[in-house]
N, C-alpha and C. Protein backbone atom coordinates (compact mmCIF):
# COMPACT_ATOMS: atom_id res chain seq x y z
N MET A 1 -19.42 7.33 7.13
CA MET A 1 -19.25 6.68 8.28
C MET A 1 -18.40 5.31 7.81
N ILE A 2 -17.50 4.99 8.62
CA ILE A 2 -16.69 3.63 8.27
C ILE A 2 -17.47 2.46 8.91
N LYS A 3 -17.72 1.59 8.13
CA LYS A 3 -18.32 0.31 8.52
C LYS A 3 -17.19 -0.83 8.62
N LEU A 4 -16.87 -1.23 9.68
CA LEU A 4 -15.69 -2.08 9.84
C LEU A 4 -16.20 -3.57 9.84
N GLU A 5 -15.96 -4.10 8.61
CA GLU A 5 -16.28 -5.43 8.29
C GLU A 5 -15.13 -6.11 7.60
N VAL A 6 -15.14 -7.41 7.47
CA VAL A 6 -14.07 -8.11 6.79
C VAL A 6 -13.96 -7.61 5.44
N ASP A 7 -14.96 -7.39 4.68
CA ASP A 7 -14.95 -6.88 3.29
C ASP A 7 -14.08 -5.50 3.24
N PHE A 8 -14.43 -4.76 4.22
CA PHE A 8 -13.69 -3.45 4.18
C PHE A 8 -12.30 -3.66 4.13
N PHE A 9 -11.68 -4.47 4.97
CA PHE A 9 -10.29 -4.75 5.19
C PHE A 9 -9.78 -5.36 3.81
N GLU A 10 -10.46 -6.34 3.43
CA GLU A 10 -10.06 -7.08 2.20
C GLU A 10 -10.08 -6.12 0.95
N ASP A 11 -10.97 -5.27 0.78
CA ASP A 11 -11.03 -4.22 -0.27
C ASP A 11 -9.92 -3.24 -0.20
N LEU A 12 -9.61 -2.85 0.99
CA LEU A 12 -8.50 -1.89 1.17
C LEU A 12 -7.10 -2.60 0.71
N TYR A 13 -6.99 -3.87 1.34
CA TYR A 13 -5.74 -4.41 0.97
C TYR A 13 -5.66 -4.83 -0.60
N LEU A 14 -6.82 -5.09 -1.17
CA LEU A 14 -6.73 -5.38 -2.57
C LEU A 14 -6.37 -4.09 -3.35
N LYS A 15 -7.02 -2.94 -2.96
CA LYS A 15 -6.64 -1.67 -3.57
C LYS A 15 -5.13 -1.41 -3.54
N ALA A 16 -4.65 -1.63 -2.33
CA ALA A 16 -3.15 -1.41 -2.18
C ALA A 16 -2.29 -2.14 -3.00
N LYS A 17 -2.60 -3.39 -3.16
CA LYS A 17 -1.88 -4.38 -3.96
C LYS A 17 -2.01 -4.04 -5.45
N LEU A 18 -3.28 -3.55 -5.94
CA LEU A 18 -3.28 -3.19 -7.29
C LEU A 18 -2.49 -1.93 -7.54
N SER A 19 -2.52 -1.04 -6.50
CA SER A 19 -1.78 0.18 -6.65
C SER A 19 -0.31 -0.06 -6.75
N PHE A 20 0.14 -1.02 -5.94
CA PHE A 20 1.55 -1.29 -5.99
C PHE A 20 1.87 -1.88 -7.36
N ASP A 21 1.10 -2.86 -7.88
CA ASP A 21 1.30 -3.35 -9.20
C ASP A 21 1.32 -2.34 -10.33
N LYS A 22 0.45 -1.29 -10.21
CA LYS A 22 0.41 -0.11 -11.15
C LYS A 22 1.77 0.64 -11.03
N CYS A 23 2.26 0.87 -9.82
CA CYS A 23 3.38 1.61 -9.49
C CYS A 23 4.69 0.98 -10.22
N ILE A 24 4.76 -0.26 -9.95
CA ILE A 24 6.02 -0.99 -10.51
C ILE A 24 6.04 -1.23 -11.96
N SER A 25 4.78 -1.29 -12.42
CA SER A 25 4.59 -1.42 -13.97
C SER A 25 4.60 -0.21 -14.78
N ASN A 26 4.70 0.99 -14.13
CA ASN A 26 4.66 2.23 -14.75
C ASN A 26 6.05 2.41 -15.45
N PRO A 27 6.16 2.63 -16.74
CA PRO A 27 7.48 2.79 -17.38
C PRO A 27 8.34 3.89 -16.79
N ASP A 28 7.67 4.87 -16.25
CA ASP A 28 8.51 6.02 -15.49
C ASP A 28 9.24 5.53 -14.34
N ASN A 29 8.87 4.40 -13.65
CA ASN A 29 9.40 3.91 -12.54
C ASN A 29 10.39 2.71 -12.77
N ASN A 30 10.90 2.60 -14.07
CA ASN A 30 11.78 1.55 -14.45
C ASN A 30 12.96 1.47 -13.59
N TYR A 31 13.40 2.65 -13.05
CA TYR A 31 14.64 2.79 -12.19
C TYR A 31 14.40 1.88 -10.94
N LEU A 32 13.22 1.64 -10.50
CA LEU A 32 13.09 0.84 -9.30
C LEU A 32 13.71 -0.43 -9.39
N LYS A 33 13.83 -1.08 -10.55
CA LYS A 33 14.47 -2.36 -10.76
C LYS A 33 15.94 -2.41 -10.29
N ASP A 34 16.59 -1.21 -10.38
CA ASP A 34 17.96 -1.09 -10.10
C ASP A 34 18.21 -0.94 -8.54
N GLU A 35 17.20 -0.70 -7.79
CA GLU A 35 17.34 -0.29 -6.42
C GLU A 35 17.26 -1.55 -5.43
N ILE A 36 16.85 -2.60 -6.00
CA ILE A 36 16.83 -3.79 -5.13
C ILE A 36 17.50 -5.03 -5.96
N ASP A 37 17.84 -6.11 -5.05
CA ASP A 37 18.60 -7.21 -5.66
C ASP A 37 17.66 -8.45 -5.95
N VAL A 38 16.36 -8.13 -6.07
CA VAL A 38 15.43 -9.14 -6.50
C VAL A 38 14.70 -8.72 -7.65
N GLN A 39 14.14 -9.81 -8.31
CA GLN A 39 13.18 -9.34 -9.47
C GLN A 39 12.01 -8.76 -8.94
N ILE A 40 11.59 -7.47 -9.39
CA ILE A 40 10.48 -6.94 -8.98
C ILE A 40 9.23 -7.74 -9.05
N ASP A 41 9.04 -8.51 -10.12
CA ASP A 41 7.79 -9.23 -10.30
C ASP A 41 7.79 -10.46 -9.37
N GLU A 42 8.93 -10.64 -8.51
CA GLU A 42 8.92 -11.90 -7.62
C GLU A 42 8.59 -11.46 -6.06
N ILE A 43 8.47 -10.07 -6.07
CA ILE A 43 8.24 -9.54 -4.74
C ILE A 43 6.79 -10.16 -4.13
N ILE A 44 6.80 -10.59 -2.94
CA ILE A 44 5.64 -11.08 -2.21
C ILE A 44 5.07 -10.03 -1.38
N LEU A 45 3.88 -9.73 -1.58
CA LEU A 45 3.16 -8.68 -0.68
C LEU A 45 2.52 -9.20 0.46
N MET A 46 2.89 -8.78 1.67
CA MET A 46 2.32 -9.19 2.88
C MET A 46 1.51 -8.04 3.64
N GLU A 47 0.29 -8.44 3.89
CA GLU A 47 -0.61 -7.34 4.61
C GLU A 47 0.00 -7.10 5.88
N ASP A 48 0.09 -5.71 6.28
CA ASP A 48 0.74 -5.36 7.59
C ASP A 48 -0.31 -4.52 8.48
N PHE A 49 -0.80 -3.50 8.11
CA PHE A 49 -1.63 -2.79 8.92
C PHE A 49 -2.54 -1.90 8.13
N ILE A 50 -3.69 -1.48 8.62
CA ILE A 50 -4.66 -0.41 8.17
C ILE A 50 -4.79 0.63 9.35
N ARG A 51 -4.61 1.81 9.01
CA ARG A 51 -4.63 2.85 9.94
C ARG A 51 -5.60 3.95 9.47
N VAL A 52 -6.45 4.41 10.30
CA VAL A 52 -7.33 5.60 10.10
C VAL A 52 -6.92 6.84 10.77
N GLN A 53 -6.75 7.97 10.20
CA GLN A 53 -6.33 9.28 10.87
C GLN A 53 -7.36 10.17 10.59
N PHE A 54 -7.90 10.64 11.71
CA PHE A 54 -9.11 11.65 11.60
C PHE A 54 -8.39 13.09 11.78
N PHE A 55 -9.09 14.07 11.18
CA PHE A 55 -8.73 15.45 11.32
C PHE A 55 -9.42 16.19 12.43
N GLN A 56 -8.67 16.73 13.32
CA GLN A 56 -9.39 17.33 14.44
C GLN A 56 -10.35 16.45 15.09
N ARG A 57 -11.51 16.99 15.29
CA ARG A 57 -12.68 16.05 15.78
C ARG A 57 -13.77 15.74 14.77
N LYS A 58 -13.33 15.92 13.62
CA LYS A 58 -14.32 15.67 12.57
C LYS A 58 -14.41 14.18 12.06
N LEU A 59 -15.40 13.41 12.41
CA LEU A 59 -15.58 12.08 12.23
C LEU A 59 -15.87 11.79 10.72
N ASP A 60 -16.08 12.81 9.99
CA ASP A 60 -16.53 12.63 8.56
C ASP A 60 -15.25 13.09 7.61
N LYS A 61 -14.15 13.39 8.19
CA LYS A 61 -12.92 13.74 7.43
C LYS A 61 -11.79 12.94 7.88
N PHE A 62 -11.20 11.98 7.11
CA PHE A 62 -10.07 11.13 7.55
C PHE A 62 -9.34 10.70 6.38
N VAL A 63 -8.15 10.00 6.68
CA VAL A 63 -7.35 9.47 5.63
C VAL A 63 -7.04 7.96 6.08
N ILE A 64 -7.11 7.07 5.18
CA ILE A 64 -6.89 5.72 5.48
C ILE A 64 -5.45 5.27 4.86
N GLU A 65 -4.64 4.77 5.73
CA GLU A 65 -3.28 4.23 5.34
C GLU A 65 -3.29 2.76 5.40
N VAL A 66 -2.86 2.15 4.18
CA VAL A 66 -2.60 0.75 4.18
C VAL A 66 -1.09 0.46 4.02
N LYS A 67 -0.57 -0.42 4.80
CA LYS A 67 0.84 -0.82 4.64
C LYS A 67 0.98 -2.27 4.20
N LEU A 68 1.71 -2.51 3.24
CA LEU A 68 2.01 -3.88 2.81
C LEU A 68 3.67 -3.96 3.06
N GLN A 69 4.02 -5.16 3.52
CA GLN A 69 5.47 -5.42 3.60
C GLN A 69 5.82 -6.18 2.30
N LEU A 70 7.06 -5.79 1.75
CA LEU A 70 7.54 -6.47 0.60
C LEU A 70 8.60 -7.57 1.06
N ILE A 71 8.27 -8.75 0.49
CA ILE A 71 9.18 -9.84 1.00
C ILE A 71 9.75 -10.57 -0.17
N SER A 72 11.01 -10.93 -0.09
CA SER A 72 11.69 -11.55 -1.07
C SER A 72 11.36 -13.08 -1.03
N LYS A 73 11.71 -13.80 -2.12
CA LYS A 73 11.42 -15.35 -2.19
C LYS A 73 12.06 -16.02 -1.08
N ASP A 74 13.21 -15.56 -0.69
CA ASP A 74 13.94 -16.23 0.47
C ASP A 74 13.62 -15.62 1.76
N ASN A 75 12.39 -14.93 1.81
CA ASN A 75 11.72 -14.54 3.07
C ASN A 75 12.36 -13.34 3.77
N ARG A 76 13.05 -12.46 2.96
CA ARG A 76 13.66 -11.22 3.52
C ARG A 76 12.77 -10.12 3.41
N LEU A 77 12.70 -9.25 4.38
CA LEU A 77 11.96 -7.96 4.27
C LEU A 77 12.83 -6.99 3.52
N ILE A 78 12.20 -6.58 2.24
CA ILE A 78 13.06 -5.83 1.36
C ILE A 78 12.45 -4.45 1.30
N GLY A 79 11.24 -4.12 1.89
CA GLY A 79 10.79 -2.85 1.86
C GLY A 79 9.23 -2.78 2.33
N SER A 80 8.60 -1.66 2.12
CA SER A 80 7.26 -1.30 2.51
C SER A 80 6.59 -0.51 1.34
N TYR A 81 5.33 -0.75 1.25
CA TYR A 81 4.49 0.02 0.29
C TYR A 81 3.33 0.57 1.10
N PHE A 82 3.04 1.88 0.98
CA PHE A 82 1.93 2.57 1.63
C PHE A 82 1.05 3.09 0.59
N TYR A 83 -0.32 2.88 0.77
CA TYR A 83 -1.44 3.37 -0.01
C TYR A 83 -2.19 4.13 0.91
N TYR A 84 -2.72 5.31 0.35
CA TYR A 84 -3.50 6.37 1.08
C TYR A 84 -4.86 6.63 0.31
N GLU A 85 -5.99 6.68 1.03
CA GLU A 85 -7.12 7.22 0.34
C GLU A 85 -7.93 8.01 1.37
N ASP A 86 -8.90 8.72 0.91
CA ASP A 86 -9.68 9.60 1.90
C ASP A 86 -10.94 8.98 2.15
N GLU A 87 -11.91 9.61 2.91
CA GLU A 87 -13.06 9.24 3.36
C GLU A 87 -14.10 8.83 2.32
N LYS A 88 -13.80 9.44 1.04
CA LYS A 88 -14.60 9.22 -0.08
C LYS A 88 -14.20 8.07 -0.94
N ASN A 89 -13.24 7.22 -0.43
CA ASN A 89 -12.46 6.19 -1.19
C ASN A 89 -11.62 6.78 -2.37
N THR A 90 -11.26 7.93 -2.33
CA THR A 90 -10.47 8.41 -3.38
C THR A 90 -8.88 8.34 -3.12
N PRO A 91 -8.21 7.60 -3.99
CA PRO A 91 -6.79 7.43 -3.81
C PRO A 91 -6.17 8.80 -3.68
N LEU A 92 -5.23 8.86 -2.67
CA LEU A 92 -4.49 10.21 -2.48
C LEU A 92 -3.15 10.16 -2.85
N ASP A 93 -2.41 9.01 -2.53
CA ASP A 93 -0.99 9.09 -2.55
C ASP A 93 -0.50 7.61 -2.30
N ASP A 94 0.70 7.35 -2.66
CA ASP A 94 1.30 6.06 -2.27
C ASP A 94 2.84 6.36 -2.12
N SER A 95 3.57 5.44 -1.38
CA SER A 95 4.86 5.51 -1.09
C SER A 95 5.45 4.07 -1.15
N LEU A 96 6.71 3.98 -1.88
CA LEU A 96 7.37 2.76 -1.90
C LEU A 96 8.74 3.00 -1.30
N ILE A 97 9.12 2.25 -0.31
CA ILE A 97 10.37 2.33 0.37
C ILE A 97 11.05 1.00 0.47
N PHE A 98 12.22 1.04 -0.15
CA PHE A 98 13.08 -0.23 -0.14
C PHE A 98 14.15 -0.15 1.10
N ASN A 99 14.30 -1.31 1.77
CA ASN A 99 15.37 -1.18 2.81
C ASN A 99 16.73 -1.13 2.46
């Protein structure tokens, strides 16, 4: 069961931010630096939303989606980062989209 408390949201946003850092620091993803016109390590992460998607009518089976907005130092929206985990707090996937 999900217990909706401030710590729950803070923990999810922290996991998403750590996952983003892991994604951009992965040597296999070095090509990402060529896709945007800002330094990747200067991206500001802004918390956007957390969404829970249930499967059918099963309250014990769900996916949590956390969205971060990627903001440049000059306050431009340059993309989004999505982090997904299941009801057991197991990371499932992530997605990085540049505008």
